[in-house]
């Protein structure tokens, strides 16, 4: 249920859910997000540290920058062929 609630979430986990849903569909996105939540929870319990949302947002910023760079390269490639 927690993974399904990520559909409308504005944070990094919500972005992850929507990205996977676009690629593989809603059922697989729910399972993938539930697994990610379980891994985060397990790490928090095993290391005995509180959740650090900055780690996810840092990764999200790097992902967006990489995506923009790759789309720019694709645009340059398309301009060269046209």
N, C-alpha and C. Protein backbone atom coordinates (compact mmCIF):
# COMPACT_ATOMS: atom_id res chain seq x y z
N UNK A 1 0.83 -1.18 0.00
CA UNK A 1 0.00 0.00 0.00
C UNK A 1 0.88 1.26 0.00
N UNK A 2 2.01 1.19 0.70
CA UNK A 2 2.89 2.35 0.73
C UNK A 2 3.46 2.63 -0.65
N UNK A 3 3.79 1.56 -1.38
CA UNK A 3 4.35 1.74 -2.72
C UNK A 3 3.30 2.30 -3.68
N UNK A 4 2.06 1.88 -3.52
CA UNK A 4 1.00 2.38 -4.39
C UNK A 4 0.71 3.85 -4.12
N UNK A 5 0.96 4.30 -2.89
CA UNK A 5 0.70 5.70 -2.56
C UNK A 5 1.76 6.63 -3.15
N UNK A 6 2.84 6.08 -3.69
CA UNK A 6 3.90 6.90 -4.28
C UNK A 6 3.48 7.50 -5.62
N UNK A 7 2.36 7.05 -6.15
CA UNK A 7 1.90 7.54 -7.46
C UNK A 7 1.79 9.06 -7.50
N UNK A 8 1.26 9.64 -6.46
CA UNK A 8 1.06 11.08 -6.43
C UNK A 8 2.11 11.82 -5.62
N UNK A 9 3.11 11.11 -5.12
CA UNK A 9 4.14 11.71 -4.28
C UNK A 9 5.05 12.60 -5.14
N UNK A 10 5.43 13.73 -4.62
CA UNK A 10 6.28 14.67 -5.36
C UNK A 10 7.78 14.46 -5.10
N UNK A 11 8.11 13.54 -4.23
CA UNK A 11 9.51 13.32 -3.87
C UNK A 11 10.22 12.36 -4.81
N UNK A 12 11.44 11.99 -4.46
CA UNK A 12 12.24 11.10 -5.30
C UNK A 12 11.62 9.72 -5.49
N UNK A 13 10.99 9.18 -4.44
CA UNK A 13 10.37 7.87 -4.58
C UNK A 13 9.16 7.92 -5.51
N UNK A 14 8.45 9.04 -5.49
CA UNK A 14 7.35 9.21 -6.42
C UNK A 14 7.83 9.30 -7.86
N UNK A 15 8.94 10.00 -8.06
CA UNK A 15 9.54 10.05 -9.40
C UNK A 15 9.98 8.67 -9.85
N UNK A 16 10.56 7.92 -8.94
CA UNK A 16 11.00 6.56 -9.26
C UNK A 16 9.80 5.71 -9.69
N UNK A 17 8.72 5.77 -8.92
CA UNK A 17 7.52 5.00 -9.24
C UNK A 17 6.99 5.36 -10.62
N UNK A 18 6.87 6.65 -10.90
CA UNK A 18 6.33 7.08 -12.20
C UNK A 18 7.25 6.69 -13.35
N UNK A 19 8.56 6.74 -13.14
CA UNK A 19 9.51 6.37 -14.19
C UNK A 19 9.39 4.88 -14.52
N UNK A 20 9.31 4.05 -13.49
CA UNK A 20 9.18 2.61 -13.70
C UNK A 20 7.81 2.29 -14.30
N UNK A 21 6.77 3.00 -13.86
CA UNK A 21 5.43 2.76 -14.40
C UNK A 21 5.38 3.06 -15.89
N UNK A 22 6.09 4.10 -16.32
CA UNK A 22 6.11 4.45 -17.74
C UNK A 22 6.83 3.38 -18.56
N UNK A 23 7.84 2.75 -17.97
CA UNK A 23 8.61 1.73 -18.69
C UNK A 23 7.98 0.35 -18.66
N UNK A 24 7.46 -0.05 -17.49
CA UNK A 24 7.06 -1.44 -17.32
C UNK A 24 5.60 -1.64 -16.91
N UNK A 25 4.89 -0.58 -16.59
CA UNK A 25 3.51 -0.72 -16.16
C UNK A 25 3.35 -0.59 -14.66
N UNK A 26 2.10 -0.37 -14.25
CA UNK A 26 1.81 -0.10 -12.84
C UNK A 26 2.11 -1.27 -11.90
N UNK A 27 1.75 -2.52 -12.25
CA UNK A 27 2.04 -3.60 -11.30
C UNK A 27 3.54 -3.77 -11.02
N UNK A 28 4.36 -3.70 -12.04
CA UNK A 28 5.80 -3.85 -11.83
C UNK A 28 6.37 -2.64 -11.10
N UNK A 29 5.82 -1.47 -11.35
CA UNK A 29 6.29 -0.28 -10.64
C UNK A 29 5.97 -0.37 -9.16
N UNK A 30 4.81 -0.92 -8.84
CA UNK A 30 4.44 -1.08 -7.43
C UNK A 30 5.40 -2.04 -6.74
N UNK A 31 5.72 -3.16 -7.38
CA UNK A 31 6.63 -4.15 -6.79
C UNK A 31 8.04 -3.55 -6.66
N UNK A 32 8.50 -2.85 -7.69
CA UNK A 32 9.85 -2.27 -7.64
C UNK A 32 9.95 -1.21 -6.55
N UNK A 33 8.92 -0.39 -6.41
CA UNK A 33 8.93 0.65 -5.39
C UNK A 33 8.83 0.03 -4.00
N UNK A 34 8.03 -1.03 -3.85
CA UNK A 34 7.93 -1.71 -2.56
C UNK A 34 9.28 -2.31 -2.18
N UNK A 35 9.99 -2.86 -3.15
CA UNK A 35 11.31 -3.41 -2.87
C UNK A 35 12.27 -2.31 -2.45
N UNK A 36 12.22 -1.18 -3.15
CA UNK A 36 13.10 -0.06 -2.81
C UNK A 36 12.81 0.42 -1.38
N UNK A 37 11.54 0.51 -1.02
CA UNK A 37 11.18 0.90 0.34
C UNK A 37 11.68 -0.12 1.36
N UNK A 38 11.58 -1.41 1.03
CA UNK A 38 12.05 -2.45 1.93
C UNK A 38 13.56 -2.38 2.11
N UNK A 39 14.29 -2.12 1.03
CA UNK A 39 15.74 -2.01 1.11
C UNK A 39 16.14 -0.80 1.97
N UNK A 40 15.44 0.31 1.78
CA UNK A 40 15.72 1.51 2.59
C UNK A 40 15.46 1.21 4.06
N UNK A 41 14.33 0.56 4.35
CA UNK A 41 13.99 0.24 5.73
C UNK A 41 15.02 -0.72 6.33
N UNK A 42 15.39 -1.76 5.59
CA UNK A 42 16.37 -2.73 6.09
C UNK A 42 17.70 -2.04 6.39
N UNK A 43 18.12 -1.18 5.51
CA UNK A 43 19.38 -0.47 5.73
C UNK A 43 19.31 0.41 6.98
N UNK A 44 18.17 1.09 7.15
CA UNK A 44 18.01 1.93 8.32
C UNK A 44 18.08 1.12 9.61
N UNK A 45 17.45 -0.05 9.61
CA UNK A 45 17.42 -0.89 10.81
C UNK A 45 18.78 -1.54 11.05
N UNK A 46 19.43 -2.03 10.00
CA UNK A 46 20.69 -2.74 10.19
C UNK A 46 21.83 -1.81 10.57
N UNK A 47 21.84 -0.59 10.04
CA UNK A 47 22.90 0.37 10.32
C UNK A 47 22.55 1.25 11.52
N UNK A 48 21.28 1.25 11.90
CA UNK A 48 20.75 2.05 13.01
C UNK A 48 20.97 3.54 12.77
N UNK A 49 20.60 3.96 11.57
CA UNK A 49 20.67 5.37 11.21
C UNK A 49 19.29 5.83 10.77
N UNK A 50 18.97 7.08 10.99
CA UNK A 50 17.69 7.59 10.49
C UNK A 50 17.73 7.74 8.97
N UNK A 51 16.56 7.81 8.39
CA UNK A 51 16.45 7.96 6.94
C UNK A 51 17.04 9.31 6.52
N UNK A 52 17.84 9.30 5.48
CA UNK A 52 18.46 10.51 4.96
C UNK A 52 17.85 10.84 3.59
N UNK A 53 16.86 11.71 3.54
CA UNK A 53 16.23 12.02 2.26
C UNK A 53 17.17 12.75 1.30
N UNK A 54 18.24 13.37 1.81
CA UNK A 54 19.16 14.08 0.94
C UNK A 54 19.90 13.14 0.01
N UNK A 55 20.13 11.91 0.43
CA UNK A 55 20.81 10.94 -0.43
C UNK A 55 19.96 10.66 -1.66
N UNK A 56 18.65 10.50 -1.48
CA UNK A 56 17.76 10.25 -2.62
C UNK A 56 17.66 11.49 -3.50
N UNK A 57 17.59 12.67 -2.90
CA UNK A 57 17.46 13.88 -3.71
C UNK A 57 18.76 14.17 -4.48
N UNK A 58 19.92 13.83 -3.87
CA UNK A 58 21.19 13.98 -4.60
C UNK A 58 21.21 13.07 -5.82
N UNK A 59 20.78 11.83 -5.61
CA UNK A 59 20.74 10.88 -6.73
C UNK A 59 19.78 11.37 -7.79
N UNK A 60 18.63 11.92 -7.37
CA UNK A 60 17.64 12.42 -8.31
C UNK A 60 18.20 13.59 -9.12
N UNK A 61 18.94 14.48 -8.49
CA UNK A 61 19.54 15.60 -9.21
C UNK A 61 20.55 15.11 -10.23
N UNK A 62 21.37 14.12 -9.85
CA UNK A 62 22.34 13.56 -10.79
C UNK A 62 21.63 12.87 -11.95
N UNK A 63 20.53 12.17 -11.66
CA UNK A 63 19.77 11.50 -12.71
C UNK A 63 19.21 12.51 -13.70
N UNK A 64 18.63 13.59 -13.18
CA UNK A 64 18.06 14.62 -14.06
C UNK A 64 19.14 15.26 -14.93
N UNK A 65 20.30 15.55 -14.34
CA UNK A 65 21.39 16.14 -15.12
C UNK A 65 21.87 15.18 -16.20
N UNK A 66 21.99 13.90 -15.85
CA UNK A 66 22.41 12.90 -16.84
C UNK A 66 21.37 12.77 -17.95
N UNK A 67 20.10 12.80 -17.60
CA UNK A 67 19.00 12.70 -18.58
C UNK A 67 19.01 13.90 -19.53
N UNK A 68 19.21 15.09 -18.99
CA UNK A 68 19.27 16.31 -19.81
C UNK A 68 20.47 16.24 -20.75
N UNK A 69 21.61 15.79 -20.26
CA UNK A 69 22.81 15.66 -21.09
C UNK A 69 22.58 14.66 -22.23
N UNK A 70 21.96 13.52 -21.92
CA UNK A 70 21.70 12.52 -22.94
C UNK A 70 20.68 13.01 -23.97
N UNK A 71 19.68 13.74 -23.53
CA UNK A 71 18.70 14.29 -24.46
C UNK A 71 19.33 15.35 -25.35
N UNK A 72 20.27 16.13 -24.80
CA UNK A 72 21.00 17.11 -25.60
C UNK A 72 21.83 16.45 -26.68
N UNK A 73 22.49 15.34 -26.33
CA UNK A 73 23.26 14.60 -27.32
C UNK A 73 22.35 14.04 -28.41
N UNK A 74 21.18 13.53 -28.02
CA UNK A 74 20.24 13.01 -29.00
C UNK A 74 19.73 14.11 -29.92
N UNK A 75 19.47 15.28 -29.36
CA UNK A 75 19.04 16.41 -30.15
C UNK A 75 20.11 16.82 -31.16
N UNK A 76 21.36 16.88 -30.72
CA UNK A 76 22.47 17.21 -31.63
C UNK A 76 22.57 16.18 -32.75
N UNK A 77 22.39 14.92 -32.40
CA UNK A 77 22.45 13.86 -33.40
C UNK A 77 21.32 14.00 -34.43
N UNK A 78 20.14 14.33 -33.94
CA UNK A 78 18.99 14.50 -34.85
C UNK A 78 19.17 15.73 -35.73
N UNK A 79 19.75 16.81 -35.20
CA UNK A 79 20.00 17.99 -35.99
C UNK A 79 21.03 17.70 -37.08
N UNK A 80 22.01 16.85 -36.76
CA UNK A 80 23.05 16.55 -37.75
C UNK A 80 22.51 15.71 -38.90
N UNK A 81 21.51 14.87 -38.63
CA UNK A 81 20.96 14.03 -39.69
C UNK A 81 19.91 14.76 -40.52
N UNK A 82 19.35 15.83 -40.00
CA UNK A 82 18.28 16.54 -40.71
C UNK A 82 18.81 17.58 -41.67
